[in-house]
Amino acid sequence: MPFPLFALMLCVFGVGTSEYVIAGILPGLSDDLGVDIPTAGLLVTAYALGVVIGGPIITIATARIERKTLMLLLMGVFIAGNVLAAVAPAYWVVVVARVVAALVHSTFVAVGIMLAVSMVPEGQSGSAVAKVSLGLNLATVLGVPLGTFIGESHGWRATFWAVAGITTLATLLVAAVVRPAPATGGGAASELKVLGNRRVQIAIAMTVLGSAGFGTVFTYIAPLLTDVTHFSTGAVTVLLIVFGVGSVVGTVLGGKLADRSLMPALCALLAALTGILLLFGATASAQIVTAVLVFVFGAAAFSIIPGLQTRILGAAAGAPTLALAVNISAFQLANAGGSWLGGRVVDTAGVRWTTVAGAAVTVLGLVLGLLELRRDRRERQAEAPEAAASTGGGPRTATVG
């Protein structure tokens, strides 16, 4: 991986670790600050709402700032949020700190993706997106367990200090090795206009449906593995690491496939995810098969992300930052919606049926993808005679046809 892309990935790793690690340090935080676990758990909700609300607002407000400068400013705010959490004297201060960090999350990731794409040759956007997105995968596989260990060994505040430290190092690397890139688009008006683009809207809808299908199952994967497949709690921990490794493989593979053939690859990967979810539910009683499918599930679920982001970049080429930020916020909403749907399924039909519900949601994303693929092909076919006519080949082509 080129060093500038590594610097961006390290930033994303720090941001992802900060978002996810709260679950691992929740008990210690609640005891120290004198709040119950459900109240402490609202920190997750506060962060998610901060990402969803802050993404569009911060992106529009900073549309004219040079991209590298903006990246450094956003990381400065994020680091400040984690430092504030580390020194917070009361629970409400931690809530404020988490919201401050969350407000810049979507814009930061969107700008990081755009900087990464600006560094690679044309036709390698998917791979560039995948390399930056690897930071989120590694946050799940390495960052969260390490942050939880630090919190258990030295207290929950030490975890926030560690996140602030790694993101500070990453920010210094970005300042040293990432080249500046001009602001894209013409300001707030052009950024907002892009959201009216049909391709952008459908790409965001595909993100919501694909991610909601994943969230419907993954939120309840632990009880599925213990209650249906009868794995021990210790085995579930290992299987979650296996899932994380699968997500890394899927992200890399998805980026390469997006570079080769974007929409056909996205449709194939959504179809694969749908089939894997159905197979997951059908074979959940078989431990060996399920263990393999946990890896495959992780790979399939994350393989669609580079392609979805690349589709957004292509559709919103004139002013892509807001579209990317909204798409990143859509992941948060989709996961929340998937968790809610999965909970209703567990209550009414049992945890095993979350796989069917997840597949049903994902297949809707596949339908949208297939409609887009057909529309793209029709537009290319319509453009071909015009291109031939402009080069003097139109009449001969029509005669042969």
Protein backbone atom coordinates (compact mmCIF):
# COMPACT_ATOMS: atom_id res chain seq x y z
CA MET A 1 0.00 0.00 0.00
CA PRO A 2 1.40 3.46 -0.91
CA PHE A 3 2.38 5.38 2.23
CA PRO A 4 -0.11 8.26 1.70
CA LEU A 5 -2.95 5.73 1.45
CA PHE A 6 -1.62 4.03 4.58
CA ALA A 7 -1.76 7.36 6.42
CA LEU A 8 -5.39 7.83 5.40
CA MET A 9 -6.21 4.24 6.36
CA LEU A 10 -4.61 4.80 9.78
CA CYS A 11 -6.87 7.82 10.32
CA VAL A 12 -9.92 5.72 9.45
CA PHE A 13 -8.63 2.99 11.78
CA GLY A 14 -8.56 5.48 14.66
CA VAL A 15 -12.02 6.82 13.86
CA GLY A 16 -13.48 3.31 13.53
CA THR A 17 -11.89 2.17 16.79
CA SER A 18 -13.31 5.18 18.62
CA GLU A 19 -16.79 4.42 17.28
CA TYR A 20 -16.88 0.69 18.03
CA VAL A 21 -14.74 0.36 21.19
CA ILE A 22 -17.35 2.00 23.42
CA ALA A 23 -19.13 -1.36 23.69
CA GLY A 24 -16.02 -2.95 25.24
CA ILE A 25 -15.48 -0.25 27.89
CA LEU A 26 -19.15 0.35 28.76
CA PRO A 27 -19.16 -1.54 32.11
CA GLY A 28 -16.12 0.29 33.49
CA LEU A 29 -17.40 3.65 32.27
CA SER A 30 -20.84 3.14 33.82
CA ASP A 31 -19.35 2.12 37.19
CA ASP A 32 -16.91 5.03 37.28
CA LEU A 33 -19.45 7.69 36.30
CA GLY A 34 -22.31 6.29 38.37
CA VAL A 35 -24.80 5.52 35.60
CA ASP A 36 -26.50 2.25 34.72
CA ILE A 37 -25.61 0.23 31.61
CA PRO A 38 -28.66 1.30 29.54
CA THR A 39 -27.83 4.96 30.21
CA ALA A 40 -24.18 4.40 29.31
CA GLY A 41 -25.36 2.61 26.16
CA LEU A 42 -26.95 5.85 24.99
CA LEU A 43 -23.40 6.93 24.10
CA VAL A 44 -23.70 4.62 21.09
CA THR A 45 -26.97 6.27 20.08
CA ALA A 46 -25.51 9.76 20.60
CA TYR A 47 -22.57 8.95 18.34
CA ALA A 48 -24.78 7.51 15.61
CA LEU A 49 -27.07 10.54 15.68
CA GLY A 50 -24.04 12.83 15.56
CA VAL A 51 -22.78 11.05 12.45
CA VAL A 52 -26.17 11.21 10.71
CA ILE A 53 -26.87 14.85 11.56
CA GLY A 54 -23.35 16.20 11.38
CA GLY A 55 -22.38 14.66 8.04
CA PRO A 56 -24.50 16.83 5.70
CA ILE A 57 -24.17 20.00 7.79
CA ILE A 58 -20.37 19.90 8.19
CA THR A 59 -19.88 18.87 4.56
CA ILE A 60 -21.93 21.78 3.21
CA ALA A 61 -20.26 24.25 5.58
CA THR A 62 -16.77 23.19 4.48
CA ALA A 63 -17.40 22.66 0.75
CA ARG A 64 -14.91 25.34 -0.39
CA ILE A 65 -11.98 24.34 1.86
CA GLU A 66 -8.98 22.64 0.24
CA ARG A 67 -9.27 18.91 0.92
CA LYS A 68 -6.03 18.20 2.80
CA THR A 69 -6.49 21.28 5.00
CA LEU A 70 -10.05 20.20 5.71
CA MET A 71 -8.87 16.68 6.56
CA LEU A 72 -6.42 18.04 9.13
CA LEU A 73 -9.06 20.35 10.63
CA LEU A 74 -11.57 17.53 10.94
CA MET A 75 -9.02 15.25 12.57
CA GLY A 76 -8.17 18.04 15.01
CA VAL A 77 -11.83 18.22 16.08
CA PHE A 78 -12.00 14.43 16.34
CA ILE A 79 -8.88 14.28 18.52
CA ALA A 80 -10.26 17.04 20.74
CA GLY A 81 -13.47 15.05 21.21
CA ASN A 82 -11.55 11.99 22.39
CA VAL A 83 -9.35 14.03 24.72
CA LEU A 84 -12.48 15.64 26.21
CA ALA A 85 -13.94 12.16 26.78
CA ALA A 86 -10.71 11.03 28.47
CA VAL A 87 -10.80 13.88 31.01
CA ALA A 88 -14.60 14.12 31.38
CA PRO A 89 -15.62 14.63 35.04
CA ALA A 90 -19.23 13.54 34.44
CA TYR A 91 -21.35 11.41 32.14
CA TRP A 92 -22.93 14.35 30.30
CA VAL A 93 -19.46 15.60 29.35
CA VAL A 94 -18.71 12.22 27.76
CA VAL A 95 -21.95 12.53 25.79
CA VAL A 96 -20.90 15.96 24.52
CA ALA A 97 -17.43 14.64 23.67
CA ARG A 98 -18.86 11.73 21.69
CA VAL A 99 -21.18 14.02 19.73
CA VAL A 100 -18.28 16.40 18.95
CA ALA A 101 -16.23 13.50 17.55
CA ALA A 102 -19.24 12.11 15.66
CA LEU A 103 -20.12 15.39 13.94
CA VAL A 104 -17.01 15.22 11.72
CA HIS A 105 -17.13 11.45 11.11
CA SER A 106 -19.00 11.35 7.78
CA THR A 107 -17.24 14.36 6.26
CA PHE A 108 -13.85 13.05 7.35
CA VAL A 109 -14.35 9.62 5.75
CA ALA A 110 -15.76 11.22 2.58
CA VAL A 111 -12.78 13.57 2.26
CA GLY A 112 -10.39 10.71 2.98
CA ILE A 113 -11.92 8.67 0.15
CA MET A 114 -11.66 11.61 -2.25
CA LEU A 115 -8.02 12.22 -1.33
CA ALA A 116 -7.27 8.53 -1.86
CA VAL A 117 -8.97 8.47 -5.27
CA SER A 118 -7.05 11.59 -6.32
CA MET A 119 -3.77 9.71 -5.75
CA VAL A 120 -4.41 6.72 -8.02
CA PRO A 121 -4.67 6.35 -11.81
CA GLU A 122 -8.06 6.37 -13.49
CA GLY A 123 -9.77 3.01 -13.23
CA GLN A 124 -8.43 2.22 -9.75
CA SER A 125 -10.96 4.14 -7.68
CA GLY A 126 -12.50 0.97 -6.24
CA SER A 127 -9.14 -0.29 -4.97
CA ALA A 128 -8.33 3.13 -3.47
CA VAL A 129 -11.68 3.18 -1.64
CA ALA A 130 -11.04 -0.37 -0.41
CA LYS A 131 -7.60 0.51 0.95
CA VAL A 132 -8.94 3.43 2.96
CA SER A 133 -11.97 1.40 4.11
CA LEU A 134 -9.64 -1.30 5.43
CA GLY A 135 -9.16 0.99 8.41
CA LEU A 136 -12.71 0.22 9.54
CA ASN A 137 -12.17 -3.53 9.13
CA LEU A 138 -8.94 -3.41 11.10
CA ALA A 139 -10.68 -1.32 13.77
CA THR A 140 -13.09 -4.22 14.26
CA VAL A 141 -10.46 -6.95 14.19
CA LEU A 142 -7.62 -5.21 16.07
CA GLY A 143 -8.68 -1.82 17.38
CA VAL A 144 -11.70 -2.85 19.43
CA PRO A 145 -10.04 -5.86 21.17
CA LEU A 146 -6.92 -3.79 21.89
CA GLY A 147 -8.96 -0.81 23.10
CA THR A 148 -11.03 -3.09 25.33
CA PHE A 149 -7.87 -4.64 26.77
CA ILE A 150 -6.43 -1.20 27.51
CA GLY A 151 -9.69 -0.18 29.16
CA GLU A 152 -9.81 -3.30 31.33
CA SER A 153 -6.14 -2.96 32.31
CA HIS A 154 -5.83 0.80 32.83
CA GLY A 155 -9.37 2.16 32.93
CA TRP A 156 -11.77 3.37 30.27
CA ARG A 157 -10.11 6.80 30.11
CA ALA A 158 -6.90 5.18 28.91
CA THR A 159 -8.77 3.83 25.89
CA PHE A 160 -9.76 7.34 24.81
CA TRP A 161 -6.19 8.54 25.37
CA ALA A 162 -4.95 5.69 23.18
CA VAL A 163 -7.41 6.60 20.41
CA ALA A 164 -6.34 10.25 20.64
CA GLY A 165 -2.71 9.16 20.40
CA ILE A 166 -3.12 6.94 17.32
CA THR A 167 -5.24 9.54 15.51
CA THR A 168 -2.69 12.26 16.33
CA LEU A 169 0.07 10.11 14.81
CA ALA A 170 -2.09 9.43 11.76
CA THR A 171 -2.85 13.15 11.36
CA LEU A 172 0.85 14.00 11.46
CA LEU A 173 1.47 11.38 8.76
CA VAL A 174 -1.27 12.88 6.59
CA ALA A 175 0.27 16.34 7.03
CA ALA A 176 3.67 14.97 5.97
CA VAL A 177 2.90 12.67 3.04
CA VAL A 178 -0.53 13.46 1.54
CA ARG A 179 -0.49 16.07 -1.20
CA PRO A 180 -3.07 18.90 -1.24
CA ALA A 181 -6.18 18.54 -3.38
CA PRO A 182 -8.56 21.35 -4.42
CA ALA A 183 -12.10 21.54 -3.12
CA THR A 184 -14.55 19.83 -5.43
CA GLY A 185 -17.73 21.38 -6.76
CA GLY A 186 -18.89 24.95 -6.52
CA GLY A 187 -19.95 25.20 -2.90
CA ALA A 188 -23.10 24.36 -0.98
CA ALA A 189 -25.52 24.85 -3.88
CA SER A 190 -23.74 22.44 -6.23
CA GLU A 191 -23.27 19.88 -3.45
CA LEU A 192 -26.99 19.95 -2.64
CA LYS A 193 -27.91 19.77 -6.31
CA VAL A 194 -26.05 16.46 -6.64
CA LEU A 195 -28.46 14.83 -4.19
CA GLY A 196 -31.17 15.22 -6.82
CA ASN A 197 -29.21 12.97 -9.18
CA ARG A 198 -31.16 9.74 -9.73
CA ARG A 199 -28.03 7.58 -9.81
CA VAL A 200 -26.87 9.06 -6.51
CA GLN A 201 -30.27 8.45 -4.93
CA ILE A 202 -30.39 4.84 -6.08
CA ALA A 203 -26.80 4.18 -4.94
CA ILE A 204 -27.72 5.52 -1.48
CA ALA A 205 -30.86 3.34 -1.46
CA MET A 206 -28.73 0.30 -2.37
CA THR A 207 -26.42 1.18 0.53
CA VAL A 208 -29.36 1.36 2.94
CA LEU A 209 -30.84 -1.96 1.82
CA GLY A 210 -27.56 -3.86 1.64
CA SER A 211 -26.40 -2.57 5.03
CA ALA A 212 -29.79 -3.09 6.68
CA GLY A 213 -29.79 -6.72 5.53
CA PHE A 214 -26.35 -7.15 7.10
CA GLY A 215 -27.37 -5.39 10.33
CA THR A 216 -30.50 -7.52 10.69
CA VAL A 217 -28.33 -10.61 11.05
CA PHE A 218 -25.06 -9.37 12.52
CA THR A 219 -26.66 -7.59 15.49
CA TYR A 220 -27.95 -10.98 16.68
CA ILE A 221 -25.14 -13.21 15.44
CA ALA A 222 -23.96 -14.07 18.99
CA PRO A 223 -27.31 -15.54 20.13
CA LEU A 224 -27.65 -17.23 16.73
CA LEU A 225 -24.29 -18.97 17.22
CA THR A 226 -24.94 -19.93 20.86
CA ASP A 227 -28.65 -20.80 20.82
CA VAL A 228 -28.97 -22.40 17.37
CA THR A 229 -25.49 -23.63 16.46
CA HIS A 230 -24.60 -24.30 20.15
CA PHE A 231 -21.14 -22.76 20.11
CA SER A 232 -19.64 -21.79 23.45
CA THR A 233 -19.18 -18.13 24.38
CA GLY A 234 -15.43 -18.48 23.90
CA ALA A 235 -15.94 -19.96 20.43
CA VAL A 236 -18.19 -17.02 19.49
CA THR A 237 -15.34 -14.63 20.32
CA VAL A 238 -13.06 -16.55 17.96
CA LEU A 239 -15.74 -16.65 15.26
CA LEU A 240 -16.20 -12.88 15.46
CA ILE A 241 -12.49 -12.53 14.75
CA VAL A 242 -12.97 -14.90 11.81
CA PHE A 243 -15.80 -12.64 10.64
CA GLY A 244 -13.47 -9.65 10.89
CA VAL A 245 -10.81 -11.39 8.82
CA GLY A 246 -13.47 -12.18 6.23
CA SER A 247 -14.46 -8.53 6.15
CA VAL A 248 -10.86 -7.54 5.33
CA VAL A 249 -10.73 -10.06 2.48
CA GLY A 250 -14.12 -8.93 1.19
CA THR A 251 -13.17 -5.25 1.22
CA VAL A 252 -10.02 -5.88 -0.84
CA LEU A 253 -11.84 -8.19 -3.26
CA GLY A 254 -14.77 -5.80 -3.61
CA GLY A 255 -12.43 -2.96 -4.53
CA LYS A 256 -10.73 -4.99 -7.26
CA LEU A 257 -14.05 -6.17 -8.70
CA ALA A 258 -15.40 -2.61 -8.69
CA ASP A 259 -12.43 -1.50 -10.79
CA ARG A 260 -13.04 -4.26 -13.35
CA SER A 261 -16.81 -3.99 -13.80
CA LEU A 262 -18.66 -1.83 -11.29
CA MET A 263 -22.41 -2.49 -11.59
CA PRO A 264 -22.16 -6.15 -12.69
CA ALA A 265 -19.84 -6.76 -9.75
CA LEU A 266 -22.18 -4.98 -7.31
CA CYS A 267 -25.16 -7.01 -8.51
CA ALA A 268 -23.21 -10.27 -8.28
CA LEU A 269 -22.00 -9.44 -4.75
CA LEU A 270 -25.50 -8.47 -3.55
CA ALA A 271 -26.82 -11.73 -5.00
CA ALA A 272 -24.04 -13.63 -3.23
CA LEU A 273 -24.82 -11.90 0.08
CA THR A 274 -28.51 -12.78 -0.28
CA GLY A 275 -27.71 -16.43 -0.97
CA ILE A 276 -25.21 -16.65 1.88
CA LEU A 277 -27.73 -15.28 4.37
CA LEU A 278 -30.29 -17.88 3.31
CA LEU A 279 -27.68 -20.64 3.48
CA PHE A 280 -26.54 -19.35 6.87
CA GLY A 281 -30.03 -19.82 8.27
CA ALA A 282 -30.61 -23.18 6.59
CA THR A 283 -27.38 -24.73 7.91
CA ALA A 284 -27.16 -22.95 11.27
CA SER A 285 -27.37 -26.26 13.15
CA ALA A 286 -24.12 -27.55 11.59
CA GLN A 287 -21.12 -26.12 13.41
CA ILE A 288 -18.43 -26.71 10.77
CA VAL A 289 -20.53 -25.29 7.94
CA THR A 290 -21.57 -22.33 10.08
CA ALA A 291 -17.96 -21.57 11.02
CA VAL A 292 -17.06 -21.38 7.32
CA LEU A 293 -20.13 -19.28 6.54
CA VAL A 294 -19.22 -16.75 9.25
CA PHE A 295 -16.05 -15.99 7.30
CA VAL A 296 -17.92 -15.91 3.98
CA PHE A 297 -20.65 -13.72 5.48
CA GLY A 298 -18.03 -11.18 6.61
CA ALA A 299 -16.42 -11.19 3.17
CA ALA A 300 -19.71 -10.81 1.29
CA ALA A 301 -21.12 -8.11 3.59
CA PHE A 302 -18.09 -5.84 3.23
CA SER A 303 -17.34 -6.58 -0.42
CA ILE A 304 -20.20 -4.33 -1.53
CA ILE A 305 -18.90 -1.21 0.25
CA PRO A 306 -16.10 -0.16 -2.16
CA GLY A 307 -18.42 -0.57 -5.14
CA LEU A 308 -21.21 1.47 -3.54
CA GLN A 309 -18.83 4.30 -2.70
CA THR A 310 -17.29 4.16 -6.18
CA ARG A 311 -20.76 4.35 -7.74
CA ILE A 312 -21.43 7.48 -5.69
CA LEU A 313 -18.14 9.01 -6.85
CA GLY A 314 -18.99 8.37 -10.49
CA ALA A 315 -22.59 9.55 -10.26
CA ALA A 316 -21.71 12.71 -8.32
CA ALA A 317 -18.49 13.52 -10.15
CA GLY A 318 -19.13 17.28 -10.13
CA ALA A 319 -19.56 17.59 -6.34
CA PRO A 320 -19.17 14.21 -4.63
CA THR A 321 -18.33 15.15 -1.02
CA LEU A 322 -21.87 15.61 0.25
CA ALA A 323 -23.11 12.54 -1.61
CA LEU A 324 -20.34 10.45 -0.02
CA ALA A 325 -21.03 11.90 3.43
CA VAL A 326 -24.76 11.19 3.11
CA ASN A 327 -23.95 7.66 1.96
CA ILE A 328 -21.74 7.13 5.01
CA SER A 329 -24.55 8.41 7.23
CA ALA A 330 -26.86 5.99 5.42
CA PHE A 331 -24.74 3.11 6.70
CA GLN A 332 -25.49 4.25 10.26
CA LEU A 333 -29.23 4.55 9.64
CA ALA A 334 -29.29 1.20 7.86
CA ASN A 335 -27.52 -0.60 10.68
CA ALA A 336 -29.93 0.93 13.18
CA GLY A 337 -32.90 -0.07 11.03
CA GLY A 338 -31.53 -3.58 10.54
CA SER A 339 -31.04 -3.98 14.28
CA TRP A 340 -34.63 -2.89 14.89
CA LEU A 341 -35.98 -5.31 12.25
CA GLY A 342 -33.88 -8.15 13.61
CA GLY A 343 -35.22 -7.51 17.11
CA ARG A 344 -38.80 -7.76 15.90
CA VAL A 345 -37.99 -11.03 14.08
CA VAL A 346 -36.34 -12.50 17.18
CA ASP A 347 -39.39 -11.62 19.29
CA THR A 348 -41.92 -13.09 16.84
CA ALA A 349 -40.19 -15.96 15.02
CA GLY A 350 -36.83 -16.67 16.66
CA VAL A 351 -33.23 -15.66 16.03
CA ARG A 352 -32.71 -18.12 13.18
CA TRP A 353 -35.23 -16.23 11.03
CA THR A 354 -33.16 -13.06 11.12
CA THR A 355 -31.21 -14.57 8.22
CA VAL A 356 -34.36 -14.79 6.09
CA ALA A 357 -35.37 -11.24 7.00
CA GLY A 358 -31.87 -10.00 6.19
CA ALA A 359 -31.92 -11.77 2.83
CA ALA A 360 -35.34 -10.28 2.02
CA VAL A 361 -34.01 -6.77 2.62
CA THR A 362 -30.78 -7.39 0.69
CA VAL A 363 -32.63 -8.74 -2.34
CA LEU A 364 -34.42 -5.39 -2.63
CA GLY A 365 -31.01 -3.78 -3.02
CA LEU A 366 -30.20 -6.38 -5.67
CA VAL A 367 -33.38 -5.50 -7.59
CA LEU A 368 -32.38 -1.83 -7.61
CA GLY A 369 -28.90 -2.78 -8.79
CA LEU A 370 -30.25 -4.90 -11.64
CA LEU A 371 -32.56 -2.08 -12.75
CA GLU A 372 -29.59 0.32 -12.74
CA LEU A 373 -27.46 -2.16 -14.66
CA ARG A 374 -30.15 -2.50 -17.35
CA ARG A 375 -30.58 1.28 -17.53
CA ASP A 376 -26.82 1.78 -17.89
CA ARG A 377 -26.67 -0.71 -20.75
CA ARG A 378 -29.59 0.92 -22.54
CA GLU A 379 -27.94 4.32 -22.26
CA ARG A 380 -24.67 2.97 -23.64
CA GLN A 381 -26.52 1.33 -26.53
CA ALA A 382 -28.32 4.60 -27.26
CA GLU A 383 -25.05 6.53 -27.18
CA ALA A 384 -23.22 4.11 -29.49
CA PRO A 385 -25.02 5.09 -32.77
CA GLU A 386 -24.56 8.77 -31.92
CA ALA A 387 -20.84 8.26 -31.37
CA ALA A 388 -20.55 6.33 -34.62
CA ALA A 389 -22.44 9.04 -36.51
CA SER A 390 -20.17 11.75 -35.12
CA THR A 391 -17.14 9.91 -36.58
CA GLY A 392 -18.79 9.30 -39.94
CA GLY A 393 -19.67 5.69 -39.24
CA GLY A 394 -23.34 6.14 -38.42
CA PRO A 395 -24.93 5.36 -41.79
CA ARG A 396 -22.74 2.32 -42.46
CA THR A 397 -23.52 0.93 -38.98
CA ALA A 398 -27.23 1.44 -39.55
CA THR A 399 -27.07 -0.34 -42.93
CA VAL A 400 -25.25 -3.33 -41.50
CA GLY A 401 -27.67 -3.46 -38.56
